Amino acid sequence: MVNSPDRAMALIEELYQGTKDVVTKRISQLEGALGSTGPLQKWDMEYAKQILITKQTGGFSPQDARQYFQVAKVIPGLLQFARAVYGVKLQERPEVKTWHRDVIVYDVYDDNEERDDLMGRIYLDYLFREDKENHPCTLALTTGVEGKQYAEAVLVVGLERELGATMHFWDATACWHELGHLFHHILGGKNQRYHRFSGFEGMQYDFIEAPSQLAEEWLAES
């Protein structure tokens, strides 16, 4: 760990020196995309990104990618990703009572044939509703404690529910991001003796986003 203020400042300075040229170049590109002669303002950042991406991809924008991200296919894709990357088996549990009929429940098992043991339970509350928090998030319902309880968590997003609905690329990215949190909590809650260190409850905040960012990168590079 850092251990002292001097080491903390040294790390910040090292990061600054290593990134300042890249950041300066990126800001210049964004200002050029806007045709601005003044400094880039924070409230123009996302708009400038969209213009720059469209220019760099020959007119293709993230909005154009919606056709490849149908809501009906993205959720099965998430589960396929989880099976392949996290080495788990998922068993749907339609008989489990939930807070809304939209919610899908799966029990998570270790895919290792020698163990094949229950690791936890996940809830997917992925469709938009007026009476819920639709901002993407992962909520821990229970933390895993060895011999006492399994880890349970819910993935929350607010995707369109109309037949044939599609989603923006950034919405798909949010789904993969939250899936990283979801399985971080489930897998990190297995064989944990203490509640305090189970799942993502005991993580340092400079690491807690790492599994989610890795999941995002998989989507972006695939």
C-alpha atoms as a PDB file:
ATOM      1  CA  MET A   1       0.000   0.000   0.000  1.00  0.00           C
ATOM      2  CA  VAL A   2       0.999   3.659  -0.150  1.00  0.00           C
ATOM      3  CA  ASN A   3       2.123   3.935   3.499  1.00  0.00           C
ATOM      4  CA  SER A   4       3.131   7.612   3.374  1.00  0.00           C
ATOM      5  CA  PRO A   5       2.018  10.953   1.874  1.00  0.00           C
ATOM      6  CA  ASP A   6       5.298  11.267  -0.027  1.00  0.00           C
ATOM      7  CA  ARG A   7       4.765   7.950  -1.786  1.00  0.00           C
ATOM      8  CA  ALA A   8       1.186   8.933  -2.598  1.00  0.00           C
ATOM      9  CA  MET A   9       2.328  12.205  -4.165  1.00  0.00           C
ATOM     10  CA  ALA A  10       5.090  10.401  -6.059  1.00  0.00           C
ATOM     11  CA  LEU A  11       2.524   8.022  -7.531  1.00  0.00           C
ATOM     12  CA  ILE A  12       0.254  10.901  -8.569  1.00  0.00           C
ATOM     13  CA  GLU A  13       3.168  12.698 -10.205  1.00  0.00           C
ATOM     14  CA  GLU A  14       4.227   9.516 -12.032  1.00  0.00           C
ATOM     15  CA  LEU A  15       0.709   9.032 -13.361  1.00  0.00           C
ATOM     16  CA  TYR A  16       0.495  12.682 -14.404  1.00  0.00           C
ATOM     17  CA  GLN A  17       3.790  12.604 -16.291  1.00  0.00           C
ATOM     18  CA  GLY A  18       2.839   9.351 -17.999  1.00  0.00           C
ATOM     19  CA  THR A  19      -0.559  10.540 -19.215  1.00  0.00           C
ATOM     20  CA  LYS A  20      -0.388  14.283 -19.761  1.00  0.00           C
ATOM     21  CA  ASP A  21       0.764  14.090 -23.411  1.00  0.00           C
ATOM     22  CA  VAL A  22      -1.974  11.594 -24.296  1.00  0.00           C
ATOM     23  CA  VAL A  23      -4.632  13.646 -22.521  1.00  0.00           C
ATOM     24  CA  THR A  24      -3.452  16.881 -24.116  1.00  0.00           C
ATOM     25  CA  LYS A  25      -3.628  15.277 -27.567  1.00  0.00           C
ATOM     26  CA  ARG A  26      -7.097  13.887 -26.860  1.00  0.00           C
ATOM     27  CA  ILE A  27      -8.425  17.261 -25.690  1.00  0.00           C
ATOM     28  CA  SER A  28      -7.009  18.865 -28.825  1.00  0.00           C
ATOM     29  CA  GLN A  29      -8.828  16.285 -30.966  1.00  0.00           C
ATOM     30  CA  LEU A  30     -12.103  16.940 -29.164  1.00  0.00           C
ATOM     31  CA  GLU A  31     -11.727  20.700 -29.545  1.00  0.00           C
ATOM     32  CA  GLY A  32     -11.022  20.177 -33.238  1.00  0.00           C
ATOM     33  CA  ALA A  33     -14.137  18.038 -33.598  1.00  0.00           C
ATOM     34  CA  LEU A  34     -16.208  20.903 -32.228  1.00  0.00           C
ATOM     35  CA  GLY A  35     -14.409  23.470 -34.364  1.00  0.00           C
ATOM     36  CA  SER A  36     -13.761  25.373 -31.162  1.00  0.00           C
ATOM     37  CA  THR A  37     -11.036  27.951 -30.725  1.00  0.00           C
ATOM     38  CA  GLY A  38     -11.499  28.102 -26.963  1.00  0.00           C
ATOM     39  CA  PRO A  39     -10.899  25.530 -24.233  1.00  0.00           C
ATOM     40  CA  LEU A  40     -13.123  22.451 -24.161  1.00  0.00           C
ATOM     41  CA  GLN A  41     -15.865  22.783 -21.566  1.00  0.00           C
ATOM     42  CA  LYS A  42     -16.998  19.855 -19.457  1.00  0.00           C
ATOM     43  CA  TRP A  43     -20.601  20.098 -20.657  1.00  0.00           C
ATOM     44  CA  ASP A  44     -19.409  19.743 -24.292  1.00  0.00           C
ATOM     45  CA  MET A  45     -17.296  16.624 -23.629  1.00  0.00           C
ATOM     46  CA  GLU A  46     -19.791  13.887 -24.504  1.00  0.00           C
ATOM     47  CA  TYR A  47     -21.089  15.743 -27.559  1.00  0.00           C
ATOM     48  CA  ALA A  48     -17.535  16.242 -28.809  1.00  0.00           C
ATOM     49  CA  LYS A  49     -16.795  12.537 -28.300  1.00  0.00           C
ATOM     50  CA  GLN A  50     -19.756  11.568 -30.465  1.00  0.00           C
ATOM     51  CA  ILE A  51     -18.638  13.896 -33.275  1.00  0.00           C
ATOM     52  CA  LEU A  52     -15.048  12.629 -33.087  1.00  0.00           C
ATOM     53  CA  ILE A  53     -16.071   8.960 -33.127  1.00  0.00           C
ATOM     54  CA  THR A  54     -18.312   9.573 -36.134  1.00  0.00           C
ATOM     55  CA  LYS A  55     -15.440  11.266 -38.003  1.00  0.00           C
ATOM     56  CA  GLN A  56     -12.899   8.589 -37.081  1.00  0.00           C
ATOM     57  CA  THR A  57     -15.170   5.732 -38.192  1.00  0.00           C
ATOM     58  CA  GLY A  58     -16.161   7.211 -41.528  1.00  0.00           C
ATOM     59  CA  GLY A  59     -19.582   8.381 -40.440  1.00  0.00           C
ATOM     60  CA  PHE A  60     -20.466   5.380 -38.247  1.00  0.00           C
ATOM     61  CA  SER A  61     -21.742   6.424 -34.813  1.00  0.00           C
ATOM     62  CA  PRO A  62     -22.498   4.417 -31.639  1.00  0.00           C
ATOM     63  CA  GLN A  63     -26.168   5.037 -32.376  1.00  0.00           C
ATOM     64  CA  ASP A  64     -25.788   3.070 -35.630  1.00  0.00           C
ATOM     65  CA  ALA A  65     -24.690   0.033 -33.614  1.00  0.00           C
ATOM     66  CA  ARG A  66     -28.150  -0.352 -32.060  1.00  0.00           C
ATOM     67  CA  GLN A  67     -29.124  -2.867 -34.730  1.00  0.00           C
ATOM     68  CA  TYR A  68     -26.512  -5.257 -33.341  1.00  0.00           C
ATOM     69  CA  PHE A  69     -27.712  -4.998 -29.753  1.00  0.00           C
ATOM     70  CA  GLN A  70     -31.240  -6.331 -29.542  1.00  0.00           C
ATOM     71  CA  VAL A  71     -32.472  -6.511 -25.958  1.00  0.00           C
ATOM     72  CA  ALA A  72     -33.770 -10.040 -26.503  1.00  0.00           C
ATOM     73  CA  LYS A  73     -30.275 -11.208 -27.499  1.00  0.00           C
ATOM     74  CA  VAL A  74     -28.105  -9.195 -25.120  1.00  0.00           C
ATOM     75  CA  ILE A  75     -29.296 -10.918 -21.929  1.00  0.00           C
ATOM     76  CA  PRO A  76     -28.563 -14.429 -23.288  1.00  0.00           C
ATOM     77  CA  GLY A  77     -25.235 -13.000 -24.456  1.00  0.00           C
ATOM     78  CA  LEU A  78     -24.441 -11.809 -20.947  1.00  0.00           C
ATOM     79  CA  LEU A  79     -25.153 -15.255 -19.542  1.00  0.00           C
ATOM     80  CA  GLN A  80     -23.089 -16.948 -22.241  1.00  0.00           C
ATOM     81  CA  PHE A  81     -20.204 -14.608 -21.399  1.00  0.00           C
ATOM     82  CA  ALA A  82     -20.534 -15.452 -17.692  1.00  0.00           C
ATOM     83  CA  ARG A  83     -20.432 -19.189 -18.364  1.00  0.00           C
ATOM     84  CA  ALA A  84     -17.392 -18.950 -20.615  1.00  0.00           C
ATOM     85  CA  VAL A  85     -15.332 -16.418 -18.664  1.00  0.00           C
ATOM     86  CA  TYR A  86     -16.228 -17.141 -15.033  1.00  0.00           C
ATOM     87  CA  GLY A  87     -16.514 -20.917 -15.329  1.00  0.00           C
ATOM     88  CA  VAL A  88     -20.019 -21.182 -13.913  1.00  0.00           C
ATOM     89  CA  LYS A  89     -23.249 -23.032 -14.622  1.00  0.00           C
ATOM     90  CA  LEU A  90     -26.522 -21.125 -14.365  1.00  0.00           C
ATOM     91  CA  GLN A  91     -29.828 -22.725 -13.439  1.00  0.00           C
ATOM     92  CA  GLU A  92     -32.932 -20.601 -13.899  1.00  0.00           C
ATOM     93  CA  ARG A  93     -35.252 -20.576 -10.895  1.00  0.00           C
ATOM     94  CA  PRO A  94     -38.672 -19.334 -12.086  1.00  0.00           C
ATOM     95  CA  GLU A  95     -40.360 -20.515  -8.872  1.00  0.00           C
ATOM     96  CA  VAL A  96     -38.405 -18.043  -6.701  1.00  0.00           C
ATOM     97  CA  LYS A  97     -40.578 -15.125  -5.605  1.00  0.00           C
ATOM     98  CA  THR A  98     -39.229 -11.672  -6.477  1.00  0.00           C
ATOM     99  CA  TRP A  99     -40.308  -8.047  -6.190  1.00  0.00           C
ATOM    100  CA  HIS A 100     -41.534  -7.939  -9.826  1.00  0.00           C
ATOM    101  CA  ARG A 101     -42.498 -10.392 -12.565  1.00  0.00           C
ATOM    102  CA  ASP A 102     -39.782  -8.955 -14.856  1.00  0.00           C
ATOM    103  CA  VAL A 103     -36.991 -10.251 -12.627  1.00  0.00           C
ATOM    104  CA  ILE A 104     -35.160 -13.405 -13.751  1.00  0.00           C
ATOM    105  CA  VAL A 105     -33.431 -15.545 -11.116  1.00  0.00           C
ATOM    106  CA  TYR A 106     -30.494 -17.916 -11.586  1.00  0.00           C
ATOM    107  CA  ASP A 107     -28.590 -20.094  -9.167  1.00  0.00           C
ATOM    108  CA  VAL A 108     -24.856 -20.043  -9.839  1.00  0.00           C
ATOM    109  CA  TYR A 109     -22.871 -23.305  -9.689  1.00  0.00           C
ATOM    110  CA  ASP A 110     -19.185 -24.059 -10.089  1.00  0.00           C
ATOM    111  CA  ASP A 111     -18.719 -25.570 -13.547  1.00  0.00           C
ATOM    112  CA  ASN A 112     -15.952 -27.846 -12.277  1.00  0.00           C
ATOM    113  CA  GLU A 113     -17.384 -31.370 -12.429  1.00  0.00           C
ATOM    114  CA  GLU A 114     -15.450 -32.417  -9.329  1.00  0.00           C
ATOM    115  CA  ARG A 115     -17.105 -29.720  -7.229  1.00  0.00           C
ATOM    116  CA  ASP A 116     -20.352 -28.676  -8.941  1.00  0.00           C
ATOM    117  CA  ASP A 117     -21.382 -26.802  -5.790  1.00  0.00           C
ATOM    118  CA  LEU A 118     -23.793 -23.908  -5.365  1.00  0.00           C
ATOM    119  CA  MET A 119     -21.988 -20.562  -5.219  1.00  0.00           C
ATOM    120  CA  GLY A 120     -24.797 -18.043  -4.994  1.00  0.00           C
ATOM    121  CA  ARG A 121     -27.851 -16.544  -6.668  1.00  0.00           C
ATOM    122  CA  ILE A 122     -28.240 -13.687  -9.143  1.00  0.00           C
ATOM    123  CA  TYR A 123     -31.279 -11.582 -10.035  1.00  0.00           C
ATOM    124  CA  LEU A 124     -31.575  -9.768 -13.371  1.00  0.00           C
ATOM    125  CA  ASP A 125     -33.926  -6.778 -13.183  1.00  0.00           C
ATOM    126  CA  TYR A 126     -33.166  -5.458 -16.649  1.00  0.00           C
ATOM    127  CA  LEU A 127     -36.330  -3.900 -18.113  1.00  0.00           C
ATOM    128  CA  PHE A 128     -37.389  -0.284 -17.725  1.00  0.00           C
ATOM    129  CA  ARG A 129     -40.153   0.497 -15.224  1.00  0.00           C
ATOM    130  CA  GLU A 130     -41.492   3.824 -14.060  1.00  0.00           C
ATOM    131  CA  ASP A 131     -41.414   2.796 -10.400  1.00  0.00           C
ATOM    132  CA  LYS A 132     -37.807   1.607 -10.141  1.00  0.00           C
ATOM    133  CA  GLU A 133     -34.300   3.036 -10.222  1.00  0.00           C
ATOM    134  CA  ASN A 134     -33.310   2.383 -13.843  1.00  0.00           C
ATOM    135  CA  HIS A 135     -29.748   3.671 -13.607  1.00  0.00           C
ATOM    136  CA  PRO A 136     -27.301   0.749 -14.086  1.00  0.00           C
ATOM    137  CA  CYS A 137     -26.110  -0.644 -10.779  1.00  0.00           C
ATOM    138  CA  THR A 138     -25.380  -3.869  -8.900  1.00  0.00           C
ATOM    139  CA  LEU A 139     -26.832  -4.342  -5.439  1.00  0.00           C
ATOM    140  CA  ALA A 140     -25.614  -6.884  -2.914  1.00  0.00           C
ATOM    141  CA  LEU A 141     -28.564  -8.628  -1.273  1.00  0.00           C
ATOM    142  CA  THR A 142     -26.542 -10.986   0.930  1.00  0.00           C
ATOM    143  CA  THR A 143     -22.834 -11.596   1.297  1.00  0.00           C
ATOM    144  CA  GLY A 144     -21.415 -15.090   1.208  1.00  0.00           C
ATOM    145  CA  VAL A 145     -20.306 -16.532   4.560  1.00  0.00           C
ATOM    146  CA  GLU A 146     -18.962 -20.076   4.583  1.00  0.00           C
ATOM    147  CA  GLY A 147     -21.354 -22.543   6.188  1.00  0.00           C
ATOM    148  CA  LYS A 148     -24.004 -19.872   6.815  1.00  0.00           C
ATOM    149  CA  GLN A 149     -25.257 -18.194   3.646  1.00  0.00           C
ATOM    150  CA  TYR A 150     -24.635 -17.828  -0.067  1.00  0.00           C
ATOM    151  CA  ALA A 151     -23.922 -14.564  -1.834  1.00  0.00           C
ATOM    152  CA  GLU A 152     -26.861 -12.991  -3.670  1.00  0.00           C
ATOM    153  CA  ALA A 153     -26.872  -9.882  -5.842  1.00  0.00           C
ATOM    154  CA  VAL A 154     -29.083  -8.103  -8.366  1.00  0.00           C
ATOM    155  CA  LEU A 155     -28.117  -6.486 -11.665  1.00  0.00           C
ATOM    156  CA  VAL A 156     -30.282  -3.444 -12.414  1.00  0.00           C
ATOM    157  CA  VAL A 157     -30.571  -1.685 -15.771  1.00  0.00           C
ATOM    158  CA  GLY A 158     -33.496  -0.061 -17.580  1.00  0.00           C
ATOM    159  CA  LEU A 159     -33.687  -1.489 -21.096  1.00  0.00           C
ATOM    160  CA  GLU A 160     -36.619  -0.915 -23.444  1.00  0.00           C
ATOM    161  CA  ARG A 161     -39.268  -3.630 -23.231  1.00  0.00           C
ATOM    162  CA  GLU A 162     -40.967  -3.264 -26.636  1.00  0.00           C
ATOM    163  CA  LEU A 163     -40.824  -6.268 -28.974  1.00  0.00           C
ATOM    164  CA  GLY A 164     -37.710  -5.987 -31.124  1.00  0.00           C
ATOM    165  CA  ALA A 165     -36.236  -3.225 -28.921  1.00  0.00           C
ATOM    166  CA  THR A 166     -32.576  -2.372 -29.350  1.00  0.00           C
ATOM    167  CA  MET A 167     -30.080  -0.579 -27.158  1.00  0.00           C
ATOM    168  CA  HIS A 168     -27.305   1.950 -27.564  1.00  0.00           C
ATOM    169  CA  PHE A 169     -23.736   0.614 -27.460  1.00  0.00           C
ATOM    170  CA  TRP A 170     -23.177   2.441 -24.166  1.00  0.00           C
ATOM    171  CA  ASP A 171     -26.204   0.646 -22.661  1.00  0.00           C
ATOM    172  CA  ALA A 172     -24.663  -2.678 -23.681  1.00  0.00           C
ATOM    173  CA  THR A 173     -21.393  -1.548 -22.110  1.00  0.00           C
ATOM    174  CA  ALA A 174     -23.261  -0.771 -18.889  1.00  0.00           C
ATOM    175  CA  CYS A 175     -24.724  -4.302 -18.894  1.00  0.00           C
ATOM    176  CA  TRP A 176     -21.289  -5.886 -19.170  1.00  0.00           C
ATOM    177  CA  HIS A 177     -19.893  -3.489 -16.573  1.00  0.00           C
ATOM    178  CA  GLU A 178     -22.546  -4.421 -14.043  1.00  0.00           C
ATOM    179  CA  LEU A 179     -22.131  -8.116 -14.854  1.00  0.00           C
ATOM    180  CA  GLY A 180     -18.520  -7.748 -13.737  1.00  0.00           C
ATOM    181  CA  HIS A 181     -19.708  -6.409 -10.382  1.00  0.00           C
ATOM    182  CA  LEU A 182     -22.370  -9.111 -10.126  1.00  0.00           C
ATOM    183  CA  PHE A 183     -19.983 -12.038 -10.476  1.00  0.00           C
ATOM    184  CA  HIS A 184     -17.278 -10.306  -8.473  1.00  0.00           C
ATOM    185  CA  HIS A 185     -19.690 -10.436  -5.567  1.00  0.00           C
ATOM    186  CA  ILE A 186     -20.799 -14.027  -6.186  1.00  0.00           C
ATOM    187  CA  LEU A 187     -17.370 -15.545  -6.832  1.00  0.00           C
ATOM    188  CA  GLY A 188     -15.718 -13.431  -4.163  1.00  0.00           C
ATOM    189  CA  GLY A 189     -18.316 -14.592  -1.654  1.00  0.00           C
ATOM    190  CA  LYS A 190     -17.426 -18.278  -1.908  1.00  0.00           C
ATOM    191  CA  ASN A 191     -15.574 -19.906   1.013  1.00  0.00           C
ATOM    192  CA  GLN A 192     -15.349 -16.600   2.856  1.00  0.00           C
ATOM    193  CA  ARG A 193     -15.159 -16.906   6.610  1.00  0.00           C
ATOM    194  CA  TYR A 194     -15.949 -13.295   7.416  1.00  0.00           C
ATOM    195  CA  HIS A 195     -18.728 -11.043   6.132  1.00  0.00           C
ATOM    196  CA  ARG A 196     -16.373  -8.056   6.060  1.00  0.00           C
ATOM    197  CA  PHE A 197     -14.165  -9.595   3.371  1.00  0.00           C
ATOM    198  CA  SER A 198     -16.852 -11.260   1.265  1.00  0.00           C
ATOM    199  CA  GLY A 199     -17.618 -10.347  -2.342  1.00  0.00           C
ATOM    200  CA  PHE A 200     -16.964  -6.718  -3.170  1.00  0.00           C
ATOM    201  CA  GLU A 201     -17.811  -5.606   0.381  1.00  0.00           C
ATOM    202  CA  GLY A 202     -14.185  -5.747   1.530  1.00  0.00           C
ATOM    203  CA  MET A 203     -12.516  -4.380  -1.592  1.00  0.00           C
ATOM    204  CA  GLN A 204     -10.388  -1.275  -1.745  1.00  0.00           C
ATOM    205  CA  TYR A 205     -12.128   1.313  -3.916  1.00  0.00           C
ATOM    206  CA  ASP A 206      -9.143   1.554  -6.265  1.00  0.00           C
ATOM    207  CA  PHE A 207      -9.751  -2.103  -7.231  1.00  0.00           C
ATOM    208  CA  ILE A 208     -13.486  -2.611  -6.996  1.00  0.00           C
ATOM    209  CA  GLU A 209     -14.032  -1.420 -10.583  1.00  0.00           C
ATOM    210  CA  ALA A 210     -11.328  -3.645 -12.092  1.00  0.00           C
ATOM    211  CA  PRO A 211     -13.477  -6.743 -12.852  1.00  0.00           C
ATOM    212  CA  SER A 212     -16.135  -4.529 -14.429  1.00  0.00           C
ATOM    213  CA  GLN A 213     -13.635  -2.677 -16.581  1.00  0.00           C
ATOM    214  CA  LEU A 214     -12.233  -5.991 -17.816  1.00  0.00           C
ATOM    215  CA  ALA A 215     -15.749  -7.096 -18.818  1.00  0.00           C
ATOM    216  CA  GLU A 216     -16.253  -3.792 -20.644  1.00  0.00           C
ATOM    217  CA  GLU A 217     -12.999  -4.264 -22.553  1.00  0.00           C
ATOM    218  CA  TRP A 218     -14.114  -7.721 -23.674  1.00  0.00           C
ATOM    219  CA  LEU A 219     -17.251  -6.210 -25.208  1.00  0.00           C
ATOM    220  CA  ALA A 220     -15.366  -3.349 -26.826  1.00  0.00           C
ATOM    221  CA  GLU A 221     -12.747  -5.665 -28.362  1.00  0.00           C
ATOM    222  CA  SER A 222     -15.067  -8.492 -29.415  1.00  0.00           C
END
